[in-house]
Amino acid sequence: MLVKEIMITDPTTVKVPSNTLEAIEIMKKYNISSLPVVKEDTEKLMGIVTRSDIAKNPEEEQLALVMVREPITVSSDDDIKVAAKIMVEKGFRRLPVVDGDKLVGLVSVHDIVTKVIPKTEIKMTVEDFMTRKCTIVWSKTPLSVALEILRLSGERSLIAVESDGKYSGVVSEKDFVSVLEEESEDTIVNFSTISDGDLWTWERIDSKNKHYVVKEKFKIPDLFVENIINKEVLKVTKRTPIQECTKRMKKSKIDVLPVINAEGRIEGVVKDIDLVRIFLDYLE
């Protein structure tokens, strides 16, 4: 199977120069998790930006400073195995598809999990590939603290539990980004000491040696994990077949499935990238 058979064609993009606010608004509008970044006048691929990039740098307003520059790409005629191998080895979740100098699509881990693996004859159950390592957070944890936990853990999602330790739901990067609030900050900077970073800001009033600047940034609202938790994520058990996992990931539109025991406690998680690893082993 070739990349062009499963890729998203004509992907939504964001142009540079631009800012993270515009990128977030586009992601919210189309309910997507990443955007190829293209140059405004040439449509040349300049980079890629994800919810993760923005969620982990909520105070950075300039898109050029948040995006991943010169991302690895694949061709539409490449075999799916090529894309899958890059994703597993490099830890990338999505790859721009470029033919010549033109961006023609986007292929993701989710595409492989939901469009390719279901067509295989892989016979495994959750206990064969689940991981017990996952990051747990109390449902009443402040979002600002939870975001720090997410950032430092390197995970894309946190598993929320109640006071009794039982499973409550999942909170993902998407959930954090959806509640980010725009905040303007008026500051005065001395022109003689202005840095390259300050030059990215919008200069409102110019007077001799001082600049009045307005910085647009994001802040986490004073909410708790329980306020944004996703309780609709479908759970699995150790005996759930891999093919059923792909169906539940597709339905829940999330990259992790909590593995729950009979008492309602967390046993571990199933990550979509682990399914891609299994797919590669299957092809060998």
C-alpha atoms as a PDB file:
ATOM      1  CA  MET A   1       0.000   0.000   0.000  1.00  0.00           C
ATOM      2  CA  LEU A   2       1.259   3.472  -0.904  1.00  0.00           C
ATOM      3  CA  VAL A   3       1.202   6.694   1.092  1.00  0.00           C
ATOM      4  CA  LYS A   4      -1.147   8.326  -1.428  1.00  0.00           C
ATOM      5  CA  GLU A   5      -3.784   5.672  -0.699  1.00  0.00           C
ATOM      6  CA  ILE A   6      -4.261   6.775   2.916  1.00  0.00           C
ATOM      7  CA  MET A   7      -2.918  10.341   3.138  1.00  0.00           C
ATOM      8  CA  ILE A   8      -5.061  13.388   3.699  1.00  0.00           C
ATOM      9  CA  THR A   9      -5.040  15.300   0.416  1.00  0.00           C
ATOM     10  CA  ASP A  10      -5.074  19.085   0.205  1.00  0.00           C
ATOM     11  CA  PRO A  11      -4.356  19.510   3.928  1.00  0.00           C
ATOM     12  CA  THR A  12      -5.292  22.686   5.751  1.00  0.00           C
ATOM     13  CA  THR A  13      -2.218  24.882   6.202  1.00  0.00           C
ATOM     14  CA  VAL A  14      -1.111  28.019   8.001  1.00  0.00           C
ATOM     15  CA  LYS A  15       1.082  30.605   6.310  1.00  0.00           C
ATOM     16  CA  VAL A  16       4.113  32.469   7.609  1.00  0.00           C
ATOM     17  CA  PRO A  17       4.578  35.121   8.724  1.00  0.00           C
ATOM     18  CA  SER A  18       1.836  34.378  11.256  1.00  0.00           C
ATOM     19  CA  ASN A  19       1.255  33.752  14.961  1.00  0.00           C
ATOM     20  CA  THR A  20       0.206  30.907  17.219  1.00  0.00           C
ATOM     21  CA  LEU A  21      -3.225  32.462  17.751  1.00  0.00           C
ATOM     22  CA  GLU A  22      -4.058  32.058  14.077  1.00  0.00           C
ATOM     23  CA  ALA A  23      -2.766  28.477  14.120  1.00  0.00           C
ATOM     24  CA  ILE A  24      -4.925  27.603  17.135  1.00  0.00           C
ATOM     25  CA  GLU A  25      -8.007  29.170  15.571  1.00  0.00           C
ATOM     26  CA  ILE A  26      -7.495  27.072  12.436  1.00  0.00           C
ATOM     27  CA  MET A  27      -7.004  23.900  14.500  1.00  0.00           C
ATOM     28  CA  LYS A  28     -10.169  24.605  16.478  1.00  0.00           C
ATOM     29  CA  LYS A  29     -12.175  25.402  13.346  1.00  0.00           C
ATOM     30  CA  TYR A  30     -11.242  22.187  11.552  1.00  0.00           C
ATOM     31  CA  ASN A  31     -10.721  20.017  14.658  1.00  0.00           C
ATOM     32  CA  ILE A  32      -7.235  18.999  13.596  1.00  0.00           C
ATOM     33  CA  SER A  33      -4.061  18.500  15.594  1.00  0.00           C
ATOM     34  CA  SER A  34      -1.346  19.733  13.259  1.00  0.00           C
ATOM     35  CA  LEU A  35      -0.739  22.182  10.459  1.00  0.00           C
ATOM     36  CA  PRO A  36       1.892  22.246   7.735  1.00  0.00           C
ATOM     37  CA  VAL A  37       3.410  25.721   7.650  1.00  0.00           C
ATOM     38  CA  VAL A  38       3.930  27.178   4.171  1.00  0.00           C
ATOM     39  CA  LYS A  39       5.480  30.387   2.895  1.00  0.00           C
ATOM     40  CA  GLU A  40       2.793  32.871   1.960  1.00  0.00           C
ATOM     41  CA  ASP A  41       4.030  33.828  -1.493  1.00  0.00           C
ATOM     42  CA  THR A  42       5.385  30.488  -2.730  1.00  0.00           C
ATOM     43  CA  GLU A  43       3.402  27.825  -0.807  1.00  0.00           C
ATOM     44  CA  LYS A  44       6.775  26.197  -0.073  1.00  0.00           C
ATOM     45  CA  LEU A  45       6.758  23.949   2.986  1.00  0.00           C
ATOM     46  CA  MET A  46       8.564  25.744   5.817  1.00  0.00           C
ATOM     47  CA  GLY A  47       7.711  23.521   8.754  1.00  0.00           C
ATOM     48  CA  ILE A  48       4.950  21.877  10.741  1.00  0.00           C
ATOM     49  CA  VAL A  49       3.250  22.927  13.977  1.00  0.00           C
ATOM     50  CA  THR A  50       1.209  20.742  16.315  1.00  0.00           C
ATOM     51  CA  ARG A  51      -1.090  21.184  19.290  1.00  0.00           C
ATOM     52  CA  SER A  52       1.744  19.775  21.369  1.00  0.00           C
ATOM     53  CA  ASP A  53       4.154  22.486  20.218  1.00  0.00           C
ATOM     54  CA  ILE A  54       1.695  25.218  21.200  1.00  0.00           C
ATOM     55  CA  ALA A  55       0.448  23.598  24.415  1.00  0.00           C
ATOM     56  CA  LYS A  56       3.996  23.246  25.696  1.00  0.00           C
ATOM     57  CA  ASN A  57       4.858  26.852  24.806  1.00  0.00           C
ATOM     58  CA  PRO A  58       1.642  28.745  25.667  1.00  0.00           C
ATOM     59  CA  GLU A  59       3.380  32.102  26.132  1.00  0.00           C
ATOM     60  CA  GLU A  60       5.163  32.103  22.772  1.00  0.00           C
ATOM     61  CA  GLU A  61       3.215  34.047  20.165  1.00  0.00           C
ATOM     62  CA  GLN A  62       5.404  33.737  17.078  1.00  0.00           C
ATOM     63  CA  LEU A  63       4.643  30.703  14.947  1.00  0.00           C
ATOM     64  CA  ALA A  64       8.146  30.652  13.484  1.00  0.00           C
ATOM     65  CA  LEU A  65       9.584  30.079  16.969  1.00  0.00           C
ATOM     66  CA  VAL A  66       7.223  27.213  17.811  1.00  0.00           C
ATOM     67  CA  MET A  67       7.018  25.201  14.592  1.00  0.00           C
ATOM     68  CA  VAL A  68       9.373  22.375  13.642  1.00  0.00           C
ATOM     69  CA  ARG A  69      11.514  23.650  10.774  1.00  0.00           C
ATOM     70  CA  GLU A  70      12.502  21.581   7.746  1.00  0.00           C
ATOM     71  CA  PRO A  71      10.473  18.508   8.757  1.00  0.00           C
ATOM     72  CA  ILE A  72      11.210  15.100   7.306  1.00  0.00           C
ATOM     73  CA  THR A  73       8.842  14.389   4.434  1.00  0.00           C
ATOM     74  CA  VAL A  74       7.722  11.450   2.332  1.00  0.00           C
ATOM     75  CA  SER A  75       6.561  11.137  -1.261  1.00  0.00           C
ATOM     76  CA  SER A  76       3.041  10.133  -2.238  1.00  0.00           C
ATOM     77  CA  ASP A  77       4.511   7.118  -4.065  1.00  0.00           C
ATOM     78  CA  ASP A  78       6.439   5.869  -1.033  1.00  0.00           C
ATOM     79  CA  ASP A  79       5.326   2.624   0.558  1.00  0.00           C
ATOM     80  CA  ILE A  80       3.428   2.975   3.843  1.00  0.00           C
ATOM     81  CA  LYS A  81       6.252   1.042   5.465  1.00  0.00           C
ATOM     82  CA  VAL A  82       8.612   3.969   4.777  1.00  0.00           C
ATOM     83  CA  ALA A  83       6.361   6.427   6.586  1.00  0.00           C
ATOM     84  CA  ALA A  84       5.692   4.003   9.453  1.00  0.00           C
ATOM     85  CA  LYS A  85       9.408   3.388   9.977  1.00  0.00           C
ATOM     86  CA  ILE A  86      10.152   7.131  10.157  1.00  0.00           C
ATOM     87  CA  MET A  87       7.326   7.643  12.657  1.00  0.00           C
ATOM     88  CA  VAL A  88       8.577   4.885  14.940  1.00  0.00           C
ATOM     89  CA  GLU A  89      12.283   5.702  14.700  1.00  0.00           C
ATOM     90  CA  LYS A  90      11.986   9.491  14.873  1.00  0.00           C
ATOM     91  CA  GLY A  91       8.931   9.781  17.092  1.00  0.00           C
ATOM     92  CA  PHE A  92       6.997  11.836  14.532  1.00  0.00           C
ATOM     93  CA  ARG A  93       3.223  11.565  14.568  1.00  0.00           C
ATOM     94  CA  ARG A  94       2.598  13.012  11.145  1.00  0.00           C
ATOM     95  CA  LEU A  95       4.618  13.576   8.001  1.00  0.00           C
ATOM     96  CA  PRO A  96       4.096  16.113   5.225  1.00  0.00           C
ATOM     97  CA  VAL A  97       3.768  14.457   1.825  1.00  0.00           C
ATOM     98  CA  VAL A  98       5.750  16.396  -0.766  1.00  0.00           C
ATOM     99  CA  ASP A  99       6.093  15.740  -4.486  1.00  0.00           C
ATOM    100  CA  GLY A 100       8.811  17.949  -5.908  1.00  0.00           C
ATOM    101  CA  ASP A 101       8.441  21.236  -4.034  1.00  0.00           C
ATOM    102  CA  LYS A 102       4.675  20.950  -3.628  1.00  0.00           C
ATOM    103  CA  LEU A 103       2.869  19.900  -0.467  1.00  0.00           C
ATOM    104  CA  VAL A 104       0.304  17.352  -1.639  1.00  0.00           C
ATOM    105  CA  GLY A 105      -0.841  15.737   1.587  1.00  0.00           C
ATOM    106  CA  LEU A 106      -0.286  14.703   5.168  1.00  0.00           C
ATOM    107  CA  VAL A 107       0.011  11.177   6.574  1.00  0.00           C
ATOM    108  CA  SER A 108      -0.251  10.398  10.272  1.00  0.00           C
ATOM    109  CA  VAL A 109       0.027   7.633  12.844  1.00  0.00           C
ATOM    110  CA  HIS A 110      -3.764   7.755  13.068  1.00  0.00           C
ATOM    111  CA  ASP A 111      -4.054   7.071   9.325  1.00  0.00           C
ATOM    112  CA  ILE A 112      -1.940   3.915   9.624  1.00  0.00           C
ATOM    113  CA  VAL A 113      -3.761   2.709  12.731  1.00  0.00           C
ATOM    114  CA  THR A 114      -7.274   3.253  11.387  1.00  0.00           C
ATOM    115  CA  LYS A 115      -6.823   2.632   7.644  1.00  0.00           C
ATOM    116  CA  VAL A 116      -4.019   0.088   7.291  1.00  0.00           C
ATOM    117  CA  ILE A 117      -3.866  -2.157  10.370  1.00  0.00           C
ATOM    118  CA  PRO A 118      -7.576  -3.137  10.127  1.00  0.00           C
ATOM    119  CA  LYS A 119      -6.779  -4.700   6.727  1.00  0.00           C
ATOM    120  CA  THR A 120      -4.064  -6.932   8.161  1.00  0.00           C
ATOM    121  CA  GLU A 121      -4.416 -10.323   9.823  1.00  0.00           C
ATOM    122  CA  ILE A 122      -2.562  -9.429  13.000  1.00  0.00           C
ATOM    123  CA  LYS A 123      -3.823 -11.650  15.828  1.00  0.00           C
ATOM    124  CA  MET A 124      -2.885 -10.108  19.160  1.00  0.00           C
ATOM    125  CA  THR A 125      -4.642  -8.896  22.279  1.00  0.00           C
ATOM    126  CA  VAL A 126      -3.977  -5.870  24.484  1.00  0.00           C
ATOM    127  CA  GLU A 127      -1.934  -7.806  27.053  1.00  0.00           C
ATOM    128  CA  ASP A 128       0.600  -8.538  24.276  1.00  0.00           C
ATOM    129  CA  PHE A 129       1.479  -4.903  23.598  1.00  0.00           C
ATOM    130  CA  MET A 130       0.071  -2.638  26.336  1.00  0.00           C
ATOM    131  CA  THR A 131       2.414  -0.530  28.422  1.00  0.00           C
ATOM    132  CA  ARG A 132       2.058  -0.160  32.170  1.00  0.00           C
ATOM    133  CA  LYS A 133       3.923   3.139  32.080  1.00  0.00           C
ATOM    134  CA  CYS A 134       1.472   6.020  31.974  1.00  0.00           C
ATOM    135  CA  THR A 135       1.102   9.375  33.704  1.00  0.00           C
ATOM    136  CA  ILE A 136      -1.733   9.661  36.210  1.00  0.00           C
ATOM    137  CA  VAL A 137      -3.285  12.904  37.419  1.00  0.00           C
ATOM    138  CA  TRP A 138      -5.965  13.567  40.033  1.00  0.00           C
ATOM    139  CA  SER A 139      -9.187  14.868  38.506  1.00  0.00           C
ATOM    140  CA  LYS A 140      -9.110  17.904  40.821  1.00  0.00           C
ATOM    141  CA  THR A 141      -5.605  18.970  39.810  1.00  0.00           C
ATOM    142  CA  PRO A 142      -5.432  22.604  38.580  1.00  0.00           C
ATOM    143  CA  LEU A 143      -4.947  22.798  34.809  1.00  0.00           C
ATOM    144  CA  SER A 144      -1.790  24.856  35.191  1.00  0.00           C
ATOM    145  CA  VAL A 145      -0.241  22.046  37.235  1.00  0.00           C
ATOM    146  CA  ALA A 146      -1.568  19.339  34.912  1.00  0.00           C
ATOM    147  CA  LEU A 147      -0.036  21.106  31.915  1.00  0.00           C
ATOM    148  CA  GLU A 148       3.350  21.122  33.640  1.00  0.00           C
ATOM    149  CA  ILE A 149       2.959  17.410  34.357  1.00  0.00           C
ATOM    150  CA  LEU A 150       2.129  16.832  30.689  1.00  0.00           C
ATOM    151  CA  ARG A 151       5.118  18.885  29.541  1.00  0.00           C
ATOM    152  CA  LEU A 152       7.632  17.226  31.850  1.00  0.00           C
ATOM    153  CA  SER A 153       6.326  13.699  31.266  1.00  0.00           C
ATOM    154  CA  GLY A 154       6.680  13.949  27.511  1.00  0.00           C
ATOM    155  CA  GLU A 155       3.276  12.303  27.148  1.00  0.00           C
ATOM    156  CA  ARG A 156       0.465  13.461  24.875  1.00  0.00           C
ATOM    157  CA  SER A 157      -2.310  12.530  27.275  1.00  0.00           C
ATOM    158  CA  LEU A 158      -2.845  12.157  31.011  1.00  0.00           C
ATOM    159  CA  ILE A 159      -5.012   9.504  32.640  1.00  0.00           C
ATOM    160  CA  ALA A 160      -7.271  11.083  35.255  1.00  0.00           C
ATOM    161  CA  VAL A 161      -8.369   9.254  38.390  1.00  0.00           C
ATOM    162  CA  GLU A 162     -10.746  10.085  41.234  1.00  0.00           C
ATOM    163  CA  SER A 163      -9.853  10.317  44.919  1.00  0.00           C
ATOM    164  CA  ASP A 164     -10.331   6.558  45.308  1.00  0.00           C
ATOM    165  CA  GLY A 165      -7.804   5.871  42.547  1.00  0.00           C
ATOM    166  CA  LYS A 166     -10.373   4.640  40.038  1.00  0.00           C
ATOM    167  CA  TYR A 167     -10.331   5.674  36.391  1.00  0.00           C
ATOM    168  CA  SER A 168     -12.120   8.920  35.559  1.00  0.00           C
ATOM    169  CA  GLY A 169     -11.174   9.864  32.004  1.00  0.00           C
ATOM    170  CA  VAL A 170      -8.459  11.128  29.698  1.00  0.00           C
ATOM    171  CA  VAL A 171      -7.176  14.672  29.233  1.00  0.00           C
ATOM    172  CA  SER A 172      -5.134  15.308  26.089  1.00  0.00           C
ATOM    173  CA  GLU A 173      -3.197  18.123  24.481  1.00  0.00           C
ATOM    174  CA  LYS A 174      -6.286  18.875  22.416  1.00  0.00           C
ATOM    175  CA  ASP A 175      -8.290  19.461  25.598  1.00  0.00           C
ATOM    176  CA  PHE A 176      -5.679  21.890  26.932  1.00  0.00           C
ATOM    177  CA  VAL A 177      -5.469  23.814  23.663  1.00  0.00           C
ATOM    178  CA  SER A 178      -9.252  24.098  23.460  1.00  0.00           C
ATOM    179  CA  VAL A 179      -9.384  26.149  26.675  1.00  0.00           C
ATOM    180  CA  LEU A 180      -6.327  28.356  26.196  1.00  0.00           C
ATOM    181  CA  GLU A 181      -7.266  32.001  26.669  1.00  0.00           C
ATOM    182  CA  GLU A 182      -5.774  34.884  24.724  1.00  0.00           C
ATOM    183  CA  GLU A 183      -4.188  37.563  26.862  1.00  0.00           C
ATOM    184  CA  SER A 184      -2.750  40.958  25.903  1.00  0.00           C
ATOM    185  CA  GLU A 185       0.094  42.438  27.861  1.00  0.00           C
ATOM    186  CA  ASP A 186       1.194  46.073  27.490  1.00  0.00           C
ATOM    187  CA  THR A 187       4.856  46.592  28.268  1.00  0.00           C
ATOM    188  CA  ILE A 188       7.467  49.298  27.778  1.00  0.00           C
ATOM    189  CA  VAL A 189      10.876  48.298  26.550  1.00  0.00           C
ATOM    190  CA  ASN A 190      14.007  50.380  26.196  1.00  0.00           C
ATOM    191  CA  PHE A 191      14.941  50.579  22.532  1.00  0.00           C
ATOM    192  CA  SER A 192      18.636  50.441  23.343  1.00  0.00           C
ATOM    193  CA  THR A 193      18.239  47.039  25.007  1.00  0.00           C
ATOM    194  CA  ILE A 194      15.529  45.481  22.816  1.00  0.00           C
ATOM    195  CA  SER A 195      16.266  41.860  21.922  1.00  0.00           C
ATOM    196  CA  ASP A 196      15.586  39.816  18.819  1.00  0.00           C
ATOM    197  CA  GLY A 197      12.662  38.236  20.633  1.00  0.00           C
ATOM    198  CA  ASP A 198      11.132  41.648  21.321  1.00  0.00           C
ATOM    199  CA  LEU A 199      11.384  42.540  17.657  1.00  0.00           C
ATOM    200  CA  TRP A 200       8.706  39.909  16.956  1.00  0.00           C
ATOM    201  CA  THR A 201       6.143  41.930  18.907  1.00  0.00           C
ATOM    202  CA  TRP A 202       3.780  44.452  17.443  1.00  0.00           C
ATOM    203  CA  GLU A 203       4.982  47.982  18.150  1.00  0.00           C
ATOM    204  CA  ARG A 204       1.980  50.181  18.929  1.00  0.00           C
ATOM    205  CA  ILE A 205       3.583  53.554  19.796  1.00  0.00           C
ATOM    206  CA  ASP A 206       7.088  54.671  18.973  1.00  0.00           C
ATOM    207  CA  SER A 207       8.744  57.437  20.973  1.00  0.00           C
ATOM    208  CA  LYS A 208      12.436  58.276  20.954  1.00  0.00           C
ATOM    209  CA  ASN A 209      14.127  55.606  23.085  1.00  0.00           C
ATOM    210  CA  LYS A 210      11.099  53.634  24.244  1.00  0.00           C
ATOM    211  CA  HIS A 211       8.630  51.353  22.551  1.00  0.00           C
ATOM    212  CA  TYR A 212       5.171  50.594  23.871  1.00  0.00           C
ATOM    213  CA  VAL A 213       4.489  47.048  22.745  1.00  0.00           C
ATOM    214  CA  VAL A 214       1.532  44.734  22.962  1.00  0.00           C
ATOM    215  CA  LYS A 215       2.284  41.044  23.382  1.00  0.00           C
ATOM    216  CA  GLU A 216      -0.430  38.546  22.565  1.00  0.00           C
ATOM    217  CA  LYS A 217       0.026  35.330  24.501  1.00  0.00           C
ATOM    218  CA  PHE A 218      -1.998  32.484  25.937  1.00  0.00           C
ATOM    219  CA  LYS A 219      -2.765  31.564  29.498  1.00  0.00           C
ATOM    220  CA  ILE A 220      -4.284  28.542  31.163  1.00  0.00           C
ATOM    221  CA  PRO A 221      -7.643  29.382  32.797  1.00  0.00           C
ATOM    222  CA  ASP A 222      -8.271  28.747  36.492  1.00  0.00           C
ATOM    223  CA  LEU A 223      -9.949  25.396  35.932  1.00  0.00           C
ATOM    224  CA  PHE A 224      -9.341  21.833  37.055  1.00  0.00           C
ATOM    225  CA  VAL A 225      -8.738  18.639  35.113  1.00  0.00           C
ATOM    226  CA  GLU A 226     -12.302  17.508  35.843  1.00  0.00           C
ATOM    227  CA  ASN A 227     -13.588  20.560  33.938  1.00  0.00           C
ATOM    228  CA  ILE A 228     -12.083  19.474  30.618  1.00  0.00           C
ATOM    229  CA  ILE A 229     -11.758  15.727  31.061  1.00  0.00           C
ATOM    230  CA  ASN A 230     -12.850  13.487  28.197  1.00  0.00           C
ATOM    231  CA  LYS A 231     -15.076  10.782  29.644  1.00  0.00           C
ATOM    232  CA  GLU A 232     -16.097   9.486  26.213  1.00  0.00           C
ATOM    233  CA  VAL A 233     -12.810   7.712  25.478  1.00  0.00           C
ATOM    234  CA  LEU A 234     -13.542   4.038  24.967  1.00  0.00           C
ATOM    235  CA  LYS A 235     -11.777   1.722  27.419  1.00  0.00           C
ATOM    236  CA  VAL A 236     -10.232  -1.679  26.760  1.00  0.00           C
ATOM    237  CA  THR A 237      -9.242  -4.717  28.804  1.00  0.00           C
ATOM    238  CA  LYS A 238      -6.215  -6.994  28.535  1.00  0.00           C
ATOM    239  CA  ARG A 239      -8.207  -9.365  26.341  1.00  0.00           C
ATOM    240  CA  THR A 240      -9.340  -6.804  23.765  1.00  0.00           C
ATOM    241  CA  PRO A 241      -8.103  -7.745  20.234  1.00  0.00           C
ATOM    242  CA  ILE A 242      -5.830  -5.328  18.369  1.00  0.00           C
ATOM    243  CA  GLN A 243      -8.393  -4.863  15.601  1.00  0.00           C
ATOM    244  CA  GLU A 244     -10.945  -3.711  18.162  1.00  0.00           C
ATOM    245  CA  CYS A 245      -8.398  -1.231  19.517  1.00  0.00           C
ATOM    246  CA  THR A 246      -8.081   0.383  16.095  1.00  0.00           C
ATOM    247  CA  LYS A 247     -11.875   0.741  15.890  1.00  0.00           C
ATOM    248  CA  ARG A 248     -12.088   2.362  19.326  1.00  0.00           C
ATOM    249  CA  MET A 249      -9.241   4.758  18.561  1.00  0.00           C
ATOM    250  CA  LYS A 250     -11.014   5.774  15.379  1.00  0.00           C
ATOM    251  CA  LYS A 251     -14.309   6.310  17.188  1.00  0.00           C
ATOM    252  CA  SER A 252     -12.793   8.169  20.142  1.00  0.00           C
ATOM    253  CA  LYS A 253     -10.433  10.164  17.902  1.00  0.00           C
ATOM    254  CA  ILE A 254      -7.642   9.808  20.431  1.00  0.00           C
ATOM    255  CA  ASP A 255      -4.203   8.212  20.437  1.00  0.00           C
ATOM    256  CA  VAL A 256      -4.364   6.353  23.747  1.00  0.00           C
ATOM    257  CA  LEU A 257      -6.770   3.829  25.232  1.00  0.00           C
ATOM    258  CA  PRO A 258      -6.850   3.183  28.990  1.00  0.00           C
ATOM    259  CA  VAL A 259      -6.653  -0.478  30.011  1.00  0.00           C
ATOM    260  CA  ILE A 260      -9.069  -1.014  32.899  1.00  0.00           C
ATOM    261  CA  ASN A 261      -9.494  -4.024  35.189  1.00  0.00           C
ATOM    262  CA  ALA A 262     -12.703  -5.376  36.708  1.00  0.00           C
ATOM    263  CA  GLU A 263     -12.400  -3.010  39.690  1.00  0.00           C
ATOM    264  CA  GLY A 264     -12.224   0.058  37.457  1.00  0.00           C
ATOM    265  CA  ARG A 265      -8.533   0.684  38.092  1.00  0.00           C
ATOM    266  CA  ILE A 266      -5.838   1.467  35.560  1.00  0.00           C
ATOM    267  CA  GLU A 267      -3.732  -1.472  34.385  1.00  0.00           C
ATOM    268  CA  GLY A 268      -1.881   0.495  31.709  1.00  0.00           C
ATOM    269  CA  VAL A 269      -2.499   2.071  28.322  1.00  0.00           C
ATOM    270  CA  VAL A 270      -2.469   1.228  24.637  1.00  0.00           C
ATOM    271  CA  LYS A 271      -0.757   3.870  22.485  1.00  0.00           C
ATOM    272  CA  ASP A 272      -1.335   4.174  18.767  1.00  0.00           C
ATOM    273  CA  ILE A 273       2.390   4.357  18.029  1.00  0.00           C
ATOM    274  CA  ASP A 274       2.780   0.927  19.663  1.00  0.00           C
ATOM    275  CA  LEU A 275       0.293  -0.430  17.136  1.00  0.00           C
ATOM    276  CA  VAL A 276       2.444   1.009  14.338  1.00  0.00           C
ATOM    277  CA  ARG A 277       5.464  -0.821  15.802  1.00  0.00           C
ATOM    278  CA  ILE A 278       3.474  -4.048  15.747  1.00  0.00           C
ATOM    279  CA  PHE A 279       2.523  -3.335  12.126  1.00  0.00           C
ATOM    280  CA  LEU A 280       6.190  -2.989  11.165  1.00  0.00           C
ATOM    281  CA  ASP A 281       7.064  -6.252  12.897  1.00  0.00           C
ATOM    282  CA  TYR A 282       4.170  -7.890  11.055  1.00  0.00           C
ATOM    283  CA  LEU A 283       5.653  -6.815   7.709  1.00  0.00           C
ATOM    284  CA  GLU A 284       9.067  -8.308   8.486  1.00  0.00           C
END
